Amino acid sequence: MKKKILLLTVLTLLLMLIVPDVSFAAGDGSRVVDYAELLTDSQRNSLSNKLDGISNKYGVDVVIYTDDSLYGMTPQACADDFYDNSDYSGDGIVFMLNMEQRDWAISTKGFGITAFTDAGQQYIMDEIKTYLSENDYYTAFDKFADLADDFIKHAKDGKPYDKGNLPKKPFKLVQDLIISLLAGLGVGGIRAGSLKAETQTVRRATKASSYLLGNIQLTNNNEIFRGSELRPIQRSSGGGGSSTHVSSSGETHGGSSGKF
C-alpha cells in the first residue's frame, strides 16, 4: 500500500511538471498586465490611466497584456483565456504581445466583437505594426489605445468601422482632395474644349430645307408611348463584420493574430 501511495505521489508530481499551468493567464482587473516587462513604471501608469478612462467611459474593457510564454497554447487561445480568466466584463478587447516567438493577438468579446470587426482589426495592426517591429512598444500601445477609443465611439453611435467605412489617414484625405480637384479640372477642360469645337462648326441657315435629309417631306408627325422597362441594378456586397470562435471556456470571441 505504501508503495502504491508513493508511486501515485511521484506520478502526480510528474504531471504537475509536464502539464502547463495556464492559471497564469489571469489578471487582477488591471488593464495593463505587463508580464514581459516591456514598459517602464511611468509608461505603465500612463497607459493604465488612459485605458481606465476609455473603459469606464464606454463600459467596454480595453486591455493590454504581454508575456514571455504561450504556455503551450496558440496566440489566439492565450489571449482568449487571459480575458476569460481575468476580472473583466463581458464586453471588451485585449491586445496581447507575446515575446516567446514575437506573436501578437487580439481577442474581442461581447460588444468588443461589434466594435472591432475583422477589417477594423487589420486597420489597427497596419497602424501600429511598424512600432512593434522597431521595439517601440509604448508608442504602439498608446496608438492602440487611441484607436480603440475611436472605434468604440463609432460603434456606440451605431456606425462601427468596417469594410468601406474605415477611418481615413490625414494624408489619404489630402490625396483624395487633390485627385478630386484634378479630375474635376480635367473633365471640365475636356468638356469646355468639346463645346468650343462644336460652336466653330455652326453656320447661319438661310433656308428651312437645310434641315431635311434628301427628299424627305414631313406632312404629319406624332409620338406614341410604347411602355417602359425597369432594370434592377445589381449591387455587390464586399462582406465585413466579425468572424467568431469559441474559447476553451466555452465563451464566444472575435479576434486575430500574427507575427511582428
Protein backbone atom coordinates (compact mmCIF):
# COMPACT_ATOMS: atom_id res chain seq x y z
CA MET A 1 0.00 0.00 0.00
CA LYS A 2 2.79 2.40 0.89
CA LYS A 3 4.48 1.67 -2.44
CA LYS A 4 1.26 2.49 -4.32
CA ILE A 5 0.86 5.77 -2.44
CA LEU A 6 4.47 6.67 -3.16
CA LEU A 7 4.02 5.81 -6.84
CA LEU A 8 0.86 7.94 -7.09
CA THR A 9 2.65 10.83 -5.42
CA VAL A 10 5.54 10.63 -7.87
CA LEU A 11 3.15 10.47 -10.85
CA THR A 12 1.22 13.47 -9.58
CA LEU A 13 4.41 15.50 -9.25
CA LEU A 14 5.47 14.50 -12.76
CA LEU A 15 2.08 15.54 -14.18
CA MET A 16 2.34 18.89 -12.46
CA LEU A 17 5.71 19.44 -14.15
CA ILE A 18 4.57 18.24 -17.58
CA VAL A 19 1.08 19.75 -17.89
CA PRO A 20 1.26 23.52 -18.33
CA ASP A 21 -0.42 25.60 -15.69
CA VAL A 22 -2.50 28.18 -17.53
CA SER A 23 -3.69 29.88 -14.35
CA PHE A 24 -1.01 32.47 -15.15
CA ALA A 25 -3.33 33.81 -17.79
CA ALA A 26 -5.31 35.86 -15.34
CA GLY A 27 -5.13 39.50 -14.47
CA ASP A 28 -6.29 41.19 -11.30
CA GLY A 29 -8.51 43.62 -13.14
CA SER A 30 -5.63 45.85 -14.21
CA ARG A 31 -5.94 46.97 -17.80
CA VAL A 32 -2.18 46.86 -18.38
CA VAL A 33 -0.69 43.47 -17.47
CA ASP A 34 2.97 43.59 -18.46
CA TYR A 35 4.42 40.20 -17.52
CA ALA A 36 7.11 40.57 -20.20
CA GLU A 37 8.22 43.88 -18.62
CA LEU A 38 8.26 45.80 -21.88
CA LEU A 39 7.31 49.08 -20.22
CA THR A 40 8.79 51.34 -17.58
CA ASP A 41 6.75 52.10 -14.46
CA SER A 42 5.84 55.56 -15.70
CA GLN A 43 4.78 54.20 -19.10
CA ARG A 44 2.71 51.51 -17.44
CA ASN A 45 0.97 54.02 -15.20
CA SER A 46 0.28 56.38 -18.09
CA LEU A 47 -1.26 53.62 -20.21
CA SER A 48 -3.28 52.30 -17.27
CA ASN A 49 -4.82 55.71 -16.69
CA LYS A 50 -5.67 56.12 -20.36
CA LEU A 51 -7.21 52.64 -20.68
CA ASP A 52 -9.15 53.05 -17.43
CA GLY A 53 -10.62 56.29 -18.76
CA ILE A 54 -11.64 54.71 -22.08
CA SER A 55 -13.06 51.60 -20.43
CA ASN A 56 -15.08 53.50 -17.85
CA LYS A 57 -16.37 55.99 -20.44
CA TYR A 58 -17.88 53.33 -22.70
CA GLY A 59 -18.37 50.37 -20.38
CA VAL A 60 -16.05 48.30 -22.59
CA ASP A 61 -12.80 46.92 -21.16
CA VAL A 62 -9.72 47.78 -23.21
CA VAL A 63 -6.74 45.73 -22.05
CA ILE A 64 -3.06 45.30 -22.93
CA TYR A 65 -1.33 42.07 -21.94
CA THR A 66 2.29 41.00 -22.50
CA ASP A 67 4.05 37.76 -21.61
CA ASP A 68 7.17 35.71 -22.33
CA SER A 69 5.44 32.38 -22.94
CA LEU A 70 2.38 30.98 -24.68
CA TYR A 71 2.27 28.06 -22.21
CA GLY A 72 1.69 25.52 -24.95
CA MET A 73 -1.25 27.39 -26.48
CA THR A 74 -1.76 29.24 -29.75
CA PRO A 75 -1.53 33.05 -29.54
CA GLN A 76 -5.28 33.37 -30.09
CA ALA A 77 -6.13 30.83 -27.38
CA CYS A 78 -3.71 32.51 -25.00
CA ALA A 79 -5.37 35.90 -25.48
CA ASP A 80 -8.87 34.37 -25.19
CA ASP A 81 -8.06 32.51 -21.97
CA PHE A 82 -6.36 35.53 -20.44
CA TYR A 83 -9.51 37.62 -20.92
CA ASP A 84 -11.87 34.87 -19.77
CA ASN A 85 -9.84 34.06 -16.66
CA SER A 86 -9.40 37.67 -15.59
CA ASP A 87 -11.72 40.07 -13.80
CA TYR A 88 -13.03 41.83 -16.89
CA SER A 89 -16.55 42.49 -18.11
CA GLY A 90 -18.40 40.61 -20.83
CA ASP A 91 -17.67 43.43 -23.28
CA GLY A 92 -14.10 44.19 -24.22
CA ILE A 93 -10.90 43.72 -26.15
CA VAL A 94 -7.42 42.57 -25.17
CA PHE A 95 -4.32 43.23 -27.23
CA MET A 96 -1.63 40.69 -26.43
CA LEU A 97 2.09 40.72 -27.23
CA ASN A 98 3.96 37.51 -26.56
CA MET A 99 7.74 37.59 -26.76
CA GLU A 100 8.28 33.81 -26.95
CA GLN A 101 8.13 33.90 -30.74
CA ARG A 102 7.13 37.56 -31.21
CA ASP A 103 3.40 36.94 -31.63
CA TRP A 104 0.53 39.37 -31.33
CA ALA A 105 -3.12 38.53 -30.85
CA ILE A 106 -6.38 40.41 -30.43
CA SER A 107 -9.32 38.87 -28.59
CA THR A 108 -12.72 40.57 -28.53
CA LYS A 109 -15.80 39.72 -26.53
CA GLY A 110 -19.39 40.94 -26.33
CA PHE A 111 -19.68 44.49 -27.66
CA GLY A 112 -15.97 44.31 -28.50
CA ILE A 113 -16.88 41.91 -31.31
CA THR A 114 -19.20 44.56 -32.76
CA ALA A 115 -16.79 47.47 -32.33
CA PHE A 116 -13.69 45.72 -33.67
CA THR A 117 -14.58 43.96 -36.92
CA ASP A 118 -12.09 41.85 -38.85
CA ALA A 119 -11.36 44.76 -41.19
CA GLY A 120 -11.05 47.09 -38.22
CA GLN A 121 -8.51 44.85 -36.51
CA GLN A 122 -6.46 44.72 -39.70
CA TYR A 123 -6.54 48.50 -39.90
CA ILE A 124 -5.34 48.82 -36.30
CA MET A 125 -2.45 46.44 -36.84
CA ASP A 126 -1.43 48.26 -40.02
CA GLU A 127 -1.22 51.42 -37.91
CA ILE A 128 0.89 50.03 -35.07
CA LYS A 129 2.88 47.12 -36.51
CA THR A 130 5.82 49.33 -37.54
CA TYR A 131 6.28 50.44 -33.94
CA LEU A 132 6.23 46.83 -32.76
CA SER A 133 8.86 45.80 -35.31
CA GLU A 134 11.07 48.63 -34.05
CA ASN A 135 10.52 47.53 -30.42
CA ASP A 136 8.81 50.84 -29.66
CA TYR A 137 6.17 49.13 -27.54
CA TYR A 138 4.93 52.13 -25.61
CA THR A 139 4.12 54.10 -28.77
CA ALA A 140 2.36 51.04 -30.24
CA PHE A 141 0.26 50.55 -27.11
CA ASP A 142 -0.54 54.26 -26.85
CA LYS A 143 -1.63 54.31 -30.50
CA PHE A 144 -3.74 51.21 -29.89
CA ALA A 145 -5.49 52.95 -27.01
CA ASP A 146 -6.33 56.00 -29.14
CA LEU A 147 -7.66 53.82 -31.95
CA ALA A 148 -9.72 51.73 -29.51
CA ASP A 149 -11.32 54.90 -28.18
CA ASP A 150 -12.27 56.00 -31.70
CA PHE A 151 -13.53 52.55 -32.75
CA ILE A 152 -15.74 52.09 -29.68
CA LYS A 153 -17.16 55.62 -30.03
CA HIS A 154 -18.24 54.98 -33.62
CA ALA A 155 -19.70 51.59 -32.70
CA LYS A 156 -21.68 53.15 -29.83
CA ASP A 157 -23.03 55.68 -32.35
CA GLY A 158 -24.24 52.78 -34.48
CA LYS A 159 -21.54 53.16 -37.14
CA PRO A 160 -18.80 50.60 -36.38
CA TYR A 161 -15.75 50.77 -38.61
CA ASP A 162 -15.78 48.03 -41.22
CA LYS A 163 -15.00 47.42 -44.89
CA GLY A 164 -15.77 50.55 -46.86
CA ASN A 165 -16.12 52.54 -43.65
CA LEU A 166 -12.62 52.65 -42.19
CA PRO A 167 -11.05 55.85 -40.83
CA LYS A 168 -9.00 57.72 -43.41
CA LYS A 169 -5.48 58.77 -42.64
CA PRO A 170 -4.74 62.52 -42.85
CA PHE A 171 -2.51 62.04 -45.89
CA LYS A 172 -5.22 60.00 -47.56
CA LEU A 173 -7.72 62.82 -47.10
CA VAL A 174 -5.38 65.34 -48.72
CA GLN A 175 -4.57 62.88 -51.50
CA ASP A 176 -8.26 62.28 -52.24
CA LEU A 177 -8.92 66.03 -52.31
CA ILE A 178 -6.10 66.66 -54.78
CA ILE A 179 -7.24 63.81 -57.02
CA SER A 180 -10.82 65.11 -56.96
CA LEU A 181 -9.72 68.63 -57.88
CA LEU A 182 -7.50 67.41 -60.72
CA ALA A 183 -10.23 65.13 -62.01
CA GLY A 184 -12.75 68.00 -61.93
CA LEU A 185 -10.40 70.31 -63.76
CA GLY A 186 -9.63 67.64 -66.33
CA VAL A 187 -13.26 66.80 -67.04
CA GLY A 188 -14.19 70.49 -67.12
CA GLY A 189 -11.37 71.29 -69.54
CA ILE A 190 -12.31 68.46 -71.88
CA ARG A 191 -15.96 69.49 -71.86
CA ALA A 192 -15.14 73.15 -72.49
CA GLY A 193 -12.88 72.21 -75.40
CA SER A 194 -15.58 70.00 -76.86
CA LEU A 195 -18.19 72.75 -76.69
CA LYS A 196 -15.83 75.22 -78.27
CA ALA A 197 -15.11 72.83 -81.14
CA GLU A 198 -18.83 72.32 -81.70
CA THR A 199 -19.57 76.04 -81.89
CA GLN A 200 -16.92 76.53 -84.56
CA THR A 201 -18.97 74.40 -86.99
CA VAL A 202 -22.15 76.42 -86.58
CA ARG A 203 -23.29 78.36 -89.67
CA ARG A 204 -26.33 80.52 -90.19
CA ALA A 205 -29.04 78.63 -92.12
CA THR A 206 -30.94 80.74 -94.69
CA LYS A 207 -33.43 78.04 -95.80
CA ALA A 208 -35.54 75.52 -93.88
CA SER A 209 -34.63 72.84 -96.42
CA SER A 210 -31.18 72.68 -94.83
CA TYR A 211 -32.68 70.62 -92.01
CA LEU A 212 -34.17 67.96 -94.30
CA LEU A 213 -32.32 64.83 -95.36
CA GLY A 214 -32.54 64.09 -99.08
CA ASN A 215 -36.07 64.44 -100.46
CA ILE A 216 -37.89 63.67 -97.20
CA GLN A 217 -41.05 65.74 -96.73
CA LEU A 218 -42.83 65.71 -93.36
CA THR A 219 -46.58 66.13 -93.64
CA ASN A 220 -47.51 64.93 -90.16
CA ASN A 221 -45.68 63.62 -87.08
CA ASN A 222 -46.51 62.49 -83.60
CA GLU A 223 -45.06 60.41 -80.70
CA ILE A 224 -46.56 57.19 -79.38
CA PHE A 225 -45.68 55.88 -75.85
CA ARG A 226 -44.83 52.20 -76.21
CA GLY A 227 -44.28 51.39 -72.50
CA SER A 228 -41.36 51.27 -70.08
CA GLU A 229 -38.99 48.67 -68.68
CA LEU A 230 -37.42 48.55 -65.20
CA ARG A 231 -33.95 47.05 -64.99
CA PRO A 232 -32.70 46.12 -61.46
CA ILE A 233 -29.21 47.35 -60.61
CA GLN A 234 -27.03 44.67 -59.09
CA ARG A 235 -25.11 45.93 -56.07
CA SER A 236 -22.19 43.84 -54.89
CA SER A 237 -21.51 43.31 -51.20
CA GLY A 238 -17.91 43.44 -50.06
CA GLY A 239 -18.61 41.50 -46.89
CA GLY A 240 -17.50 42.55 -43.47
CA GLY A 241 -18.34 42.08 -39.82
CA SER A 242 -16.52 39.92 -37.32
CA SER A 243 -15.69 36.24 -37.55
CA THR A 244 -16.04 34.44 -34.21
CA HIS A 245 -14.85 31.31 -32.45
CA VAL A 246 -15.36 29.60 -29.10
CA SER A 247 -12.63 29.68 -26.44
CA SER A 248 -11.61 26.77 -24.21
CA SER A 249 -14.03 28.03 -21.55
CA GLY A 250 -16.93 28.00 -23.99
CA GLU A 251 -17.11 31.78 -24.49
CA THR A 252 -17.63 33.40 -27.90
CA HIS A 253 -14.77 35.61 -29.09
CA GLY A 254 -13.69 37.51 -32.16
CA GLY A 255 -10.05 38.14 -32.86
CA SER A 256 -6.96 37.74 -34.98
CA SER A 257 -3.25 37.05 -34.57
CA GLY A 258 0.10 37.28 -36.35
CA LYS A 259 3.82 37.96 -36.04
CA PHE A 260 5.65 41.22 -35.52
